[in-house]
Amino acid sequence: MRLNTDGSLDTSFQGGTSANGTVYSLSMTSGGQILVGGQFTQFNGHTTNDMLMLNSDGSYDNTFTDDTISRRVLESIICSVWMLTILLLEVESNNL
């Protein structure tokens, strides 16, 4: 799901059914594509290994491969995002 700037639903975005596991991070590229990372093997019916790229309209980018980004770099990013999320939740729960 994606919203337009006025808050209405963007019906042109093809978000699909999502992953068969946990999505930990989303990042938009300068070209409007969306990098998705997490722990999953399927995304909208496509077999994948924990990461994929969506086109700006939400459709699956068939040109993106695991070799496009080093798996160690991606795993490091995912771990960092996960740890930051835990830290932020702890800070919020303690009203710091």
PDB file of N, CA and C in Angstrom:
ATOM      1  N   MET A   1       0.839  -1.164   0.000  1.00  0.00           N
ATOM      2  CA  MET A   1       0.000   0.000   0.000  1.00  0.00           C
ATOM      3  C   MET A   1       0.894   1.240   0.000  1.00  0.00           C
ATOM      4  N   ARG A   2       0.488   2.225  -0.748  1.00  0.00           N
ATOM      5  CA  ARG A   2       1.192   3.503  -0.761  1.00  0.00           C
ATOM      6  C   ARG A   2       0.136   4.602  -0.800  1.00  0.00           C
ATOM      7  N   LEU A   3       0.454   5.701  -0.116  1.00  0.00           N
ATOM      8  CA  LEU A   3      -0.472   6.831  -0.070  1.00  0.00           C
ATOM      9  C   LEU A   3       0.018   7.959  -0.964  1.00  0.00           C
ATOM     10  N   ASN A   4      -0.915   8.696  -1.533  1.00  0.00           N
ATOM     11  CA  ASN A   4      -0.600   9.910  -2.271  1.00  0.00           C
ATOM     12  C   ASN A   4      -0.296  11.027  -1.276  1.00  0.00           C
ATOM     13  N   THR A   5       0.229  12.137  -1.756  1.00  0.00           N
ATOM     14  CA  THR A   5       0.585  13.243  -0.861  1.00  0.00           C
ATOM     15  C   THR A   5      -0.622  13.812  -0.130  1.00  0.00           C
ATOM     16  N   ASP A   6      -1.828  13.623  -0.683  1.00  0.00           N
ATOM     17  CA  ASP A   6      -3.035  14.114  -0.005  1.00  0.00           C
ATOM     18  C   ASP A   6      -3.614  13.105   0.984  1.00  0.00           C
ATOM     19  N   GLY A   7      -2.935  11.950   1.149  1.00  0.00           N
ATOM     20  CA  GLY A   7      -3.373  10.930   2.097  1.00  0.00           C
ATOM     21  C   GLY A   7      -4.290   9.876   1.518  1.00  0.00           C
ATOM     22  N   SER A   8      -4.705  10.032   0.273  1.00  0.00           N
ATOM     23  CA  SER A   8      -5.567   9.036  -0.359  1.00  0.00           C
ATOM     24  C   SER A   8      -4.733   7.836  -0.816  1.00  0.00           C
ATOM     25  N   LEU A   9      -5.386   6.699  -1.002  1.00  0.00           N
ATOM     26  CA  LEU A   9      -4.722   5.484  -1.435  1.00  0.00           C
ATOM     27  C   LEU A   9      -4.250   5.621  -2.879  1.00  0.00           C
ATOM     28  N   ASP A  10      -2.990   5.278  -3.135  1.00  0.00           N
ATOM     29  CA  ASP A  10      -2.432   5.297  -4.487  1.00  0.00           C
ATOM     30  C   ASP A  10      -2.793   3.980  -5.161  1.00  0.00           C
ATOM     31  N   THR A  11      -3.832   3.985  -5.979  1.00  0.00           N
ATOM     32  CA  THR A  11      -4.314   2.762  -6.613  1.00  0.00           C
ATOM     33  C   THR A  11      -3.410   2.269  -7.740  1.00  0.00           C
ATOM     34  N   SER A  12      -2.432   3.082  -8.160  1.00  0.00           N
ATOM     35  CA  SER A  12      -1.504   2.653  -9.208  1.00  0.00           C
ATOM     36  C   SER A  12      -0.373   1.794  -8.648  1.00  0.00           C
ATOM     37  N   PHE A  13      -0.204   1.781  -7.328  1.00  0.00           N
ATOM     38  CA  PHE A  13       0.867   1.016  -6.707  1.00  0.00           C
ATOM     39  C   PHE A  13       0.453  -0.448  -6.583  1.00  0.00           C
ATOM     40  N   GLN A  14       1.285  -1.359  -7.095  1.00  0.00           N
ATOM     41  CA  GLN A  14       0.981  -2.790  -7.121  1.00  0.00           C
ATOM     42  C   GLN A  14       1.679  -3.519  -5.979  1.00  0.00           C
ATOM     43  N   GLY A  15       1.322  -3.197  -4.753  1.00  0.00           N
ATOM     44  CA  GLY A  15       1.991  -3.765  -3.595  1.00  0.00           C
ATOM     45  C   GLY A  15       1.906  -5.269  -3.466  1.00  0.00           C
ATOM     46  N   GLY A  16       0.844  -5.884  -3.928  1.00  0.00           N
ATOM     47  CA  GLY A  16       0.711  -7.335  -3.901  1.00  0.00           C
ATOM     48  C   GLY A  16       0.425  -7.885  -2.515  1.00  0.00           C
ATOM     49  N   THR A  17       0.789  -9.149  -2.333  1.00  0.00           N
ATOM     50  CA  THR A  17       0.483  -9.853  -1.083  1.00  0.00           C
ATOM     51  C   THR A  17       1.634  -9.856  -0.090  1.00  0.00           C
ATOM     52  N   SER A  18       2.804  -9.410  -0.488  1.00  0.00           N
ATOM     53  CA  SER A  18       3.968  -9.259   0.378  1.00  0.00           C
ATOM     54  C   SER A  18       4.769 -10.544   0.525  1.00  0.00           C
ATOM     55  N   ALA A  19       5.507 -10.636   1.629  1.00  0.00           N
ATOM     56  CA  ALA A  19       6.481 -11.704   1.849  1.00  0.00           C
ATOM     57  C   ALA A  19       5.908 -12.841   2.681  1.00  0.00           C
ATOM     58  N   ASN A  20       6.546 -14.004   2.574  1.00  0.00           N
ATOM     59  CA  ASN A  20       6.145 -15.142   3.392  1.00  0.00           C
ATOM     60  C   ASN A  20       6.963 -15.213   4.683  1.00  0.00           C
ATOM     61  N   GLY A  21       7.581 -14.118   5.051  1.00  0.00           N
ATOM     62  CA  GLY A  21       8.364 -14.035   6.278  1.00  0.00           C
ATOM     63  C   GLY A  21       8.361 -12.603   6.771  1.00  0.00           C
ATOM     64  N   THR A  22       9.421 -12.216   7.431  1.00  0.00           N
ATOM     65  CA  THR A  22       9.509 -10.890   8.032  1.00  0.00           C
ATOM     66  C   THR A  22      10.292  -9.927   7.144  1.00  0.00           C
ATOM     67  N   VAL A  23       9.711  -8.758   6.903  1.00  0.00           N
ATOM     68  CA  VAL A  23      10.415  -7.677   6.204  1.00  0.00           C
ATOM     69  C   VAL A  23      10.974  -6.757   7.277  1.00  0.00           C
ATOM     70  N   TYR A  24      12.294  -6.564   7.284  1.00  0.00           N
ATOM     71  CA  TYR A  24      12.938  -5.727   8.288  1.00  0.00           C
ATOM     72  C   TYR A  24      13.225  -4.315   7.786  1.00  0.00           C
ATOM     73  N   SER A  25      13.416  -4.179   6.478  1.00  0.00           N
ATOM     74  CA  SER A  25      13.794  -2.850   6.010  1.00  0.00           C
ATOM     75  C   SER A  25      13.275  -2.577   4.606  1.00  0.00           C
ATOM     76  N   LEU A  26      12.961  -1.310   4.386  1.00  0.00           N
ATOM     77  CA  LEU A  26      12.560  -0.795   3.084  1.00  0.00           C
ATOM     78  C   LEU A  26      13.381   0.459   2.838  1.00  0.00           C
ATOM     79  N   SER A  27      13.888   0.597   1.638  1.00  0.00           N
ATOM     80  CA  SER A  27      14.670   1.779   1.322  1.00  0.00           C
ATOM     81  C   SER A  27      14.380   2.186  -0.114  1.00  0.00           C
ATOM     82  N   MET A  28      14.114   3.461  -0.319  1.00  0.00           N
ATOM     83  CA  MET A  28      13.827   3.945  -1.664  1.00  0.00           C
ATOM     84  C   MET A  28      15.106   4.456  -2.319  1.00  0.00           C
ATOM     85  N   THR A  29      15.315   4.061  -3.559  1.00  0.00           N
ATOM     86  CA  THR A  29      16.476   4.528  -4.306  1.00  0.00           C
ATOM     87  C   THR A  29      16.174   5.901  -4.898  1.00  0.00           C
ATOM     88  N   SER A  30      17.198   6.542  -5.399  1.00  0.00           N
ATOM     89  CA  SER A  30      17.003   7.856  -6.017  1.00  0.00           C
ATOM     90  C   SER A  30      16.128   7.759  -7.263  1.00  0.00           C
ATOM     91  N   GLY A  31      16.048   6.573  -7.872  1.00  0.00           N
ATOM     92  CA  GLY A  31      15.211   6.367  -9.043  1.00  0.00           C
ATOM     93  C   GLY A  31      13.781   5.973  -8.715  1.00  0.00           C
ATOM     94  N   GLY A  32      13.467   5.910  -7.414  1.00  0.00           N
ATOM     95  CA  GLY A  32      12.109   5.580  -6.996  1.00  0.00           C
ATOM     96  C   GLY A  32      11.843   4.106  -6.785  1.00  0.00           C
ATOM     97  N   GLN A  33      12.839   3.260  -7.013  1.00  0.00           N
ATOM     98  CA  GLN A  33      12.673   1.836  -6.745  1.00  0.00           C
ATOM     99  C   GLN A  33      12.751   1.599  -5.239  1.00  0.00           C
ATOM    100  N   ILE A  34      12.221   0.452  -4.798  1.00  0.00           N
ATOM    101  CA  ILE A  34      12.171   0.147  -3.378  1.00  0.00           C
ATOM    102  C   ILE A  34      12.955  -1.131  -3.108  1.00  0.00           C
ATOM    103  N   LEU A  35      14.014  -1.023  -2.306  1.00  0.00           N
ATOM    104  CA  LEU A  35      14.807  -2.171  -1.885  1.00  0.00           C
ATOM    105  C   LEU A  35      14.144  -2.751  -0.644  1.00  0.00           C
ATOM    106  N   VAL A  36      13.858  -4.043  -0.668  1.00  0.00           N
ATOM    107  CA  VAL A  36      13.186  -4.733   0.430  1.00  0.00           C
ATOM    108  C   VAL A  36      14.149  -5.767   0.984  1.00  0.00           C
ATOM    109  N   GLY A  37      14.354  -5.766   2.299  1.00  0.00           N
ATOM    110  CA  GLY A  37      15.234  -6.733   2.940  1.00  0.00           C
ATOM    111  C   GLY A  37      14.574  -7.367   4.148  1.00  0.00           C
ATOM    112  N   GLY A  38      14.904  -8.615   4.429  1.00  0.00           N
ATOM    113  CA  GLY A  38      14.336  -9.296   5.591  1.00  0.00           C
ATOM    114  C   GLY A  38      14.668 -10.767   5.583  1.00  0.00           C
ATOM    115  N   GLN A  39      13.790 -11.560   6.168  1.00  0.00           N
ATOM    116  CA  GLN A  39      13.953 -13.011   6.201  1.00  0.00           C
ATOM    117  C   GLN A  39      12.724 -13.626   5.541  1.00  0.00           C
ATOM    118  N   PHE A  40      12.826 -13.915   4.255  1.00  0.00           N
ATOM    119  CA  PHE A  40      11.736 -14.497   3.497  1.00  0.00           C
ATOM    120  C   PHE A  40      12.287 -15.175   2.255  1.00  0.00           C
ATOM    121  N   THR A  41      11.514 -16.087   1.692  1.00  0.00           N
ATOM    122  CA  THR A  41      11.920 -16.800   0.484  1.00  0.00           C
ATOM    123  C   THR A  41      10.959 -16.563  -0.674  1.00  0.00           C
ATOM    124  N   GLN A  42       9.815 -15.937  -0.396  1.00  0.00           N
ATOM    125  CA  GLN A  42       8.827 -15.625  -1.429  1.00  0.00           C
ATOM    126  C   GLN A  42       8.332 -14.198  -1.218  1.00  0.00           C
ATOM    127  N   PHE A  43       8.115 -13.496  -2.318  1.00  0.00           N
ATOM    128  CA  PHE A  43       7.528 -12.165  -2.255  1.00  0.00           C
ATOM    129  C   PHE A  43       6.614 -12.006  -3.459  1.00  0.00           C
ATOM    130  N   ASN A  44       5.334 -11.838  -3.186  1.00  0.00           N
ATOM    131  CA  ASN A  44       4.329 -11.723  -4.254  1.00  0.00           C
ATOM    132  C   ASN A  44       4.455 -12.835  -5.293  1.00  0.00           C
ATOM    133  N   GLY A  45       4.730 -14.065  -4.813  1.00  0.00           N
ATOM    134  CA  GLY A  45       4.817 -15.217  -5.701  1.00  0.00           C
ATOM    135  C   GLY A  45       6.161 -15.419  -6.365  1.00  0.00           C
ATOM    136  N   HIS A  46       7.121 -14.527  -6.142  1.00  0.00           N
ATOM    137  CA  HIS A  46       8.464 -14.652  -6.720  1.00  0.00           C
ATOM    138  C   HIS A  46       9.398 -15.251  -5.679  1.00  0.00           C
ATOM    139  N   THR A  47      10.215 -16.216  -6.095  1.00  0.00           N
ATOM    140  CA  THR A  47      11.215 -16.792  -5.206  1.00  0.00           C
ATOM    141  C   THR A  47      12.358 -15.811  -5.057  1.00  0.00           C
ATOM    142  N   THR A  48      12.772 -15.587  -3.819  1.00  0.00           N
ATOM    143  CA  THR A  48      13.847 -14.630  -3.539  1.00  0.00           C
ATOM    144  C   THR A  48      14.595 -15.065  -2.287  1.00  0.00           C
ATOM    145  N   ASN A  49      15.761 -14.520  -2.077  1.00  0.00           N
ATOM    146  CA  ASN A  49      16.578 -14.858  -0.912  1.00  0.00           C
ATOM    147  C   ASN A  49      16.772 -13.646  -0.025  1.00  0.00           C
ATOM    148  N   ASP A  50      15.746 -13.285   0.710  1.00  0.00           N
ATOM    149  CA  ASP A  50      15.820 -12.248   1.744  1.00  0.00           C
ATOM    150  C   ASP A  50      15.941 -10.820   1.230  1.00  0.00           C
ATOM    151  N   MET A  51      16.007 -10.611  -0.069  1.00  0.00           N
ATOM    152  CA  MET A  51      16.057  -9.251  -0.587  1.00  0.00           C
ATOM    153  C   MET A  51      15.538  -9.214  -2.017  1.00  0.00           C
ATOM    154  N   LEU A  52      15.006  -8.060  -2.384  1.00  0.00           N
ATOM    155  CA  LEU A  52      14.496  -7.872  -3.730  1.00  0.00           C
ATOM    156  C   LEU A  52      14.343  -6.394  -3.993  1.00  0.00           C
ATOM    157  N   MET A  53      14.072  -6.072  -5.230  1.00  0.00           N
ATOM    158  CA  MET A  53      13.830  -4.688  -5.619  1.00  0.00           C
ATOM    159  C   MET A  53      12.451  -4.622  -6.258  1.00  0.00           C
ATOM    160  N   LEU A  54      11.690  -3.598  -5.870  1.00  0.00           N
ATOM    161  CA  LEU A  54      10.411  -3.319  -6.506  1.00  0.00           C
ATOM    162  C   LEU A  54      10.579  -2.093  -7.391  1.00  0.00           C
ATOM    163  N   ASN A  55       9.892  -2.084  -8.515  1.00  0.00           N
ATOM    164  CA  ASN A  55       9.873  -0.896  -9.357  1.00  0.00           C
ATOM    165  C   ASN A  55       9.053   0.186  -8.667  1.00  0.00           C
ATOM    166  N   SER A  56       9.122   1.385  -9.159  1.00  0.00           N
ATOM    167  CA  SER A  56       8.441   2.509  -8.503  1.00  0.00           C
ATOM    168  C   SER A  56       6.926   2.328  -8.439  1.00  0.00           C
ATOM    169  N   ASP A  57       6.367   1.474  -9.306  1.00  0.00           N
ATOM    170  CA  ASP A  57       4.923   1.217  -9.255  1.00  0.00           C
ATOM    171  C   ASP A  57       4.566   0.038  -8.362  1.00  0.00           C
ATOM    172  N   GLY A  58       5.575  -0.544  -7.687  1.00  0.00           N
ATOM    173  CA  GLY A  58       5.345  -1.658  -6.782  1.00  0.00           C
ATOM    174  C   GLY A  58       5.498  -3.025  -7.417  1.00  0.00           C
ATOM    175  N   SER A  59       5.700  -3.079  -8.727  1.00  0.00           N
ATOM    176  CA  SER A  59       5.875  -4.366  -9.405  1.00  0.00           C
ATOM    177  C   SER A  59       7.273  -4.916  -9.129  1.00  0.00           C
ATOM    178  N   TYR A  60       7.404  -6.224  -9.206  1.00  0.00           N
ATOM    179  CA  TYR A  60       8.658  -6.925  -8.945  1.00  0.00           C
ATOM    180  C   TYR A  60       9.682  -6.596 -10.027  1.00  0.00           C
ATOM    181  N   ASP A  61      10.904  -6.260  -9.629  1.00  0.00           N
ATOM    182  CA  ASP A  61      11.977  -5.951 -10.572  1.00  0.00           C
ATOM    183  C   ASP A  61      12.740  -7.235 -10.885  1.00  0.00           C
ATOM    184  N   ASN A  62      12.479  -7.814 -12.065  1.00  0.00           N
ATOM    185  CA  ASN A  62      13.124  -9.072 -12.461  1.00  0.00           C
ATOM    186  C   ASN A  62      14.609  -8.921 -12.769  1.00  0.00           C
ATOM    187  N   THR A  63      15.101  -7.688 -12.931  1.00  0.00           N
ATOM    188  CA  THR A  63      16.506  -7.489 -13.285  1.00  0.00           C
ATOM    189  C   THR A  63      17.410  -7.485 -12.055  1.00  0.00           C
ATOM    190  N   PHE A  64      16.822  -7.345 -10.867  1.00  0.00           N
ATOM    191  CA  PHE A  64      17.604  -7.314  -9.632  1.00  0.00           C
ATOM    192  C   PHE A  64      17.956  -8.737  -9.222  1.00  0.00           C
ATOM    193  N   THR A  65      19.223  -8.967  -8.879  1.00  0.00           N
ATOM    194  CA  THR A  65      19.662 -10.291  -8.415  1.00  0.00           C
ATOM    195  C   THR A  65      20.403 -10.151  -7.091  1.00  0.00           C
ATOM    196  N   ASP A  66      20.596 -11.282  -6.423  1.00  0.00           N
ATOM    197  CA  ASP A  66      21.349 -11.286  -5.174  1.00  0.00           C
ATOM    198  C   ASP A  66      22.760 -10.752  -5.364  1.00  0.00           C
ATOM    199  N   ASP A  67      23.290 -10.896  -6.578  1.00  0.00           N
ATOM    200  CA  ASP A  67      24.649 -10.434  -6.849  1.00  0.00           C
ATOM    201  C   ASP A  67      24.719  -8.914  -6.977  1.00  0.00           C
ATOM    202  N   THR A  68      23.563  -8.250  -7.104  1.00  0.00           N
ATOM    203  CA  THR A  68      23.552  -6.800  -7.268  1.00  0.00           C
ATOM    204  C   THR A  68      24.105  -6.101  -6.035  1.00  0.00           C
ATOM    205  N   ILE A  69      23.813  -6.641  -4.881  1.00  0.00           N
ATOM    206  CA  ILE A  69      24.299  -6.082  -3.615  1.00  0.00           C
ATOM    207  C   ILE A  69      24.945  -7.212  -2.827  1.00  0.00           C
ATOM    208  N   SER A  70      26.075  -6.950  -2.251  1.00  0.00           N
ATOM    209  CA  SER A  70      26.745  -7.953  -1.436  1.00  0.00           C
ATOM    210  C   SER A  70      25.835  -8.398  -0.302  1.00  0.00           C
ATOM    211  N   ARG A  71      25.659  -9.693  -0.153  1.00  0.00           N
ATOM    212  CA  ARG A  71      24.795 -10.219   0.909  1.00  0.00           C
ATOM    213  C   ARG A  71      25.303  -9.792   2.288  1.00  0.00           C
ATOM    214  N   ARG A  72      26.602  -9.729   2.477  1.00  0.00           N
ATOM    215  CA  ARG A  72      27.119  -9.324   3.789  1.00  0.00           C
ATOM    216  C   ARG A  72      26.762  -7.878   4.102  1.00  0.00           C
ATOM    217  N   VAL A  73      26.817  -7.021   3.097  1.00  0.00           N
ATOM    218  CA  VAL A  73      26.437  -5.621   3.302  1.00  0.00           C
ATOM    219  C   VAL A  73      24.967  -5.547   3.667  1.00  0.00           C
ATOM    220  N   LEU A  74      24.125  -6.257   2.932  1.00  0.00           N
ATOM    221  CA  LEU A  74      22.693  -6.233   3.213  1.00  0.00           C
ATOM    222  C   LEU A  74      22.393  -6.788   4.601  1.00  0.00           C
ATOM    223  N   GLU A  75      23.019  -7.906   4.955  1.00  0.00           N
ATOM    224  CA  GLU A  75      22.789  -8.483   6.278  1.00  0.00           C
ATOM    225  C   GLU A  75      23.221  -7.514   7.373  1.00  0.00           C
ATOM    226  N   SER A  76      24.297  -6.792   7.154  1.00  0.00           N
ATOM    227  CA  SER A  76      24.753  -5.799   8.115  1.00  0.00           C
ATOM    228  C   SER A  76      23.734  -4.673   8.258  1.00  0.00           C
ATOM    229  N   ILE A  77      23.194  -4.218   7.128  1.00  0.00           N
ATOM    230  CA  ILE A  77      22.185  -3.157   7.158  1.00  0.00           C
ATOM    231  C   ILE A  77      20.942  -3.637   7.897  1.00  0.00           C
ATOM    232  N   ILE A  78      20.480  -4.840   7.578  1.00  0.00           N
ATOM    233  CA  ILE A  78      19.290  -5.388   8.223  1.00  0.00           C
ATOM    234  C   ILE A  78      19.513  -5.507   9.729  1.00  0.00           C
ATOM    235  N   CYS A  79      20.665  -6.008  10.135  1.00  0.00           N
ATOM    236  CA  CYS A  79      20.979  -6.144  11.561  1.00  0.00           C
ATOM    237  C   CYS A  79      20.994  -4.777  12.231  1.00  0.00           C
ATOM    238  N   SER A  80      21.598  -3.791  11.589  1.00  0.00           N
ATOM    239  CA  SER A  80      21.667  -2.449  12.163  1.00  0.00           C
ATOM    240  C   SER A  80      20.277  -1.847  12.330  1.00  0.00           C
ATOM    241  N   VAL A  81      19.424  -2.024  11.329  1.00  0.00           N
ATOM    242  CA  VAL A  81      18.056  -1.506  11.410  1.00  0.00           C
ATOM    243  C   VAL A  81      17.308  -2.194  12.530  1.00  0.00           C
ATOM    244  N   TRP A  82      17.464  -3.498  12.654  1.00  0.00           N
ATOM    245  CA  TRP A  82      16.793  -4.272  13.707  1.00  0.00           C
ATOM    246  C   TRP A  82      17.239  -3.789  15.091  1.00  0.00           C
ATOM    247  N   MET A  83      18.534  -3.607  15.278  1.00  0.00           N
ATOM    248  CA  MET A  83      19.047  -3.158  16.574  1.00  0.00           C
ATOM    249  C   MET A  83      18.587  -1.738  16.882  1.00  0.00           C
ATOM    250  N   LEU A  84      18.565  -0.861  15.887  1.00  0.00           N
ATOM    251  CA  LEU A  84      18.092   0.502  16.085  1.00  0.00           C
ATOM    252  C   LEU A  84      16.615   0.508  16.467  1.00  0.00           C
ATOM    253  N   THR A  85      15.826  -0.354  15.833  1.00  0.00           N
ATOM    254  CA  THR A  85      14.406  -0.457  16.157  1.00  0.00           C
ATOM    255  C   THR A  85      14.219  -0.892  17.608  1.00  0.00           C
ATOM    256  N   ILE A  86      14.977  -1.877  18.045  1.00  0.00           N
ATOM    257  CA  ILE A  86      14.883  -2.348  19.432  1.00  0.00           C
ATOM    258  C   ILE A  86      15.270  -1.224  20.393  1.00  0.00           C
ATOM    259  N   LEU A  87      16.347  -0.504  20.083  1.00  0.00           N
ATOM    260  CA  LEU A  87      16.791   0.597  20.927  1.00  0.00           C
ATOM    261  C   LEU A  87      15.719   1.682  21.014  1.00  0.00           C
ATOM    262  N   LEU A  88      15.126   2.051  19.882  1.00  0.00           N
ATOM    263  CA  LEU A  88      14.085   3.080  19.881  1.00  0.00           C
ATOM    264  C   LEU A  88      12.865   2.640  20.678  1.00  0.00           C
ATOM    265  N   LEU A  89      12.488   1.389  20.582  1.00  0.00           N
ATOM    266  CA  LEU A  89      11.348   0.884  21.355  1.00  0.00           C
ATOM    267  C   LEU A  89      11.642   0.932  22.847  1.00  0.00           C
ATOM    268  N   GLU A  90      12.878   0.603  23.210  1.00  0.00           N
ATOM    269  CA  GLU A  90      13.256   0.638  24.621  1.00  0.00           C
ATOM    270  C   GLU A  90      13.254   2.076  25.140  1.00  0.00           C
ATOM    271  N   VAL A  91      13.777   3.001  24.356  1.00  0.00           N
ATOM    272  CA  VAL A  91      13.786   4.406  24.756  1.00  0.00           C
ATOM    273  C   VAL A  91      12.349   4.910  24.920  1.00  0.00           C
ATOM    274  N   GLU A  92      11.476   4.572  23.978  1.00  0.00           N
ATOM    275  CA  GLU A  92      10.085   5.016  24.068  1.00  0.00           C
ATOM    276  C   GLU A  92       9.389   4.411  25.286  1.00  0.00           C
ATOM    277  N   SER A  93       9.643   3.142  25.570  1.00  0.00           N
ATOM    278  CA  SER A  93       8.967   2.494  26.690  1.00  0.00           C
ATOM    279  C   SER A  93       9.439   3.057  28.034  1.00  0.00           C
ATOM    280  N   ASN A  94      10.634   3.615  28.069  1.00  0.00           N
ATOM    281  CA  ASN A  94      11.159   4.205  29.307  1.00  0.00           C
ATOM    282  C   ASN A  94      10.973   5.719  29.335  1.00  0.00           C
ATOM    283  N   ASN A  95      10.290   6.249  28.332  1.00  0.00           N
ATOM    284  CA  ASN A  95      10.038   7.692  28.231  1.00  0.00           C
ATOM    285  C   ASN A  95      11.315   8.518  28.342  1.00  0.00           C
ATOM    286  N   LEU A  96      12.377   8.070  27.695  1.00  0.00           N
ATOM    287  CA  LEU A  96      13.668   8.783  27.737  1.00  0.00           C
ATOM    288  C   LEU A  96      13.727   9.844  26.678  1.00  0.00           C
TER     289      LEU A  96
END
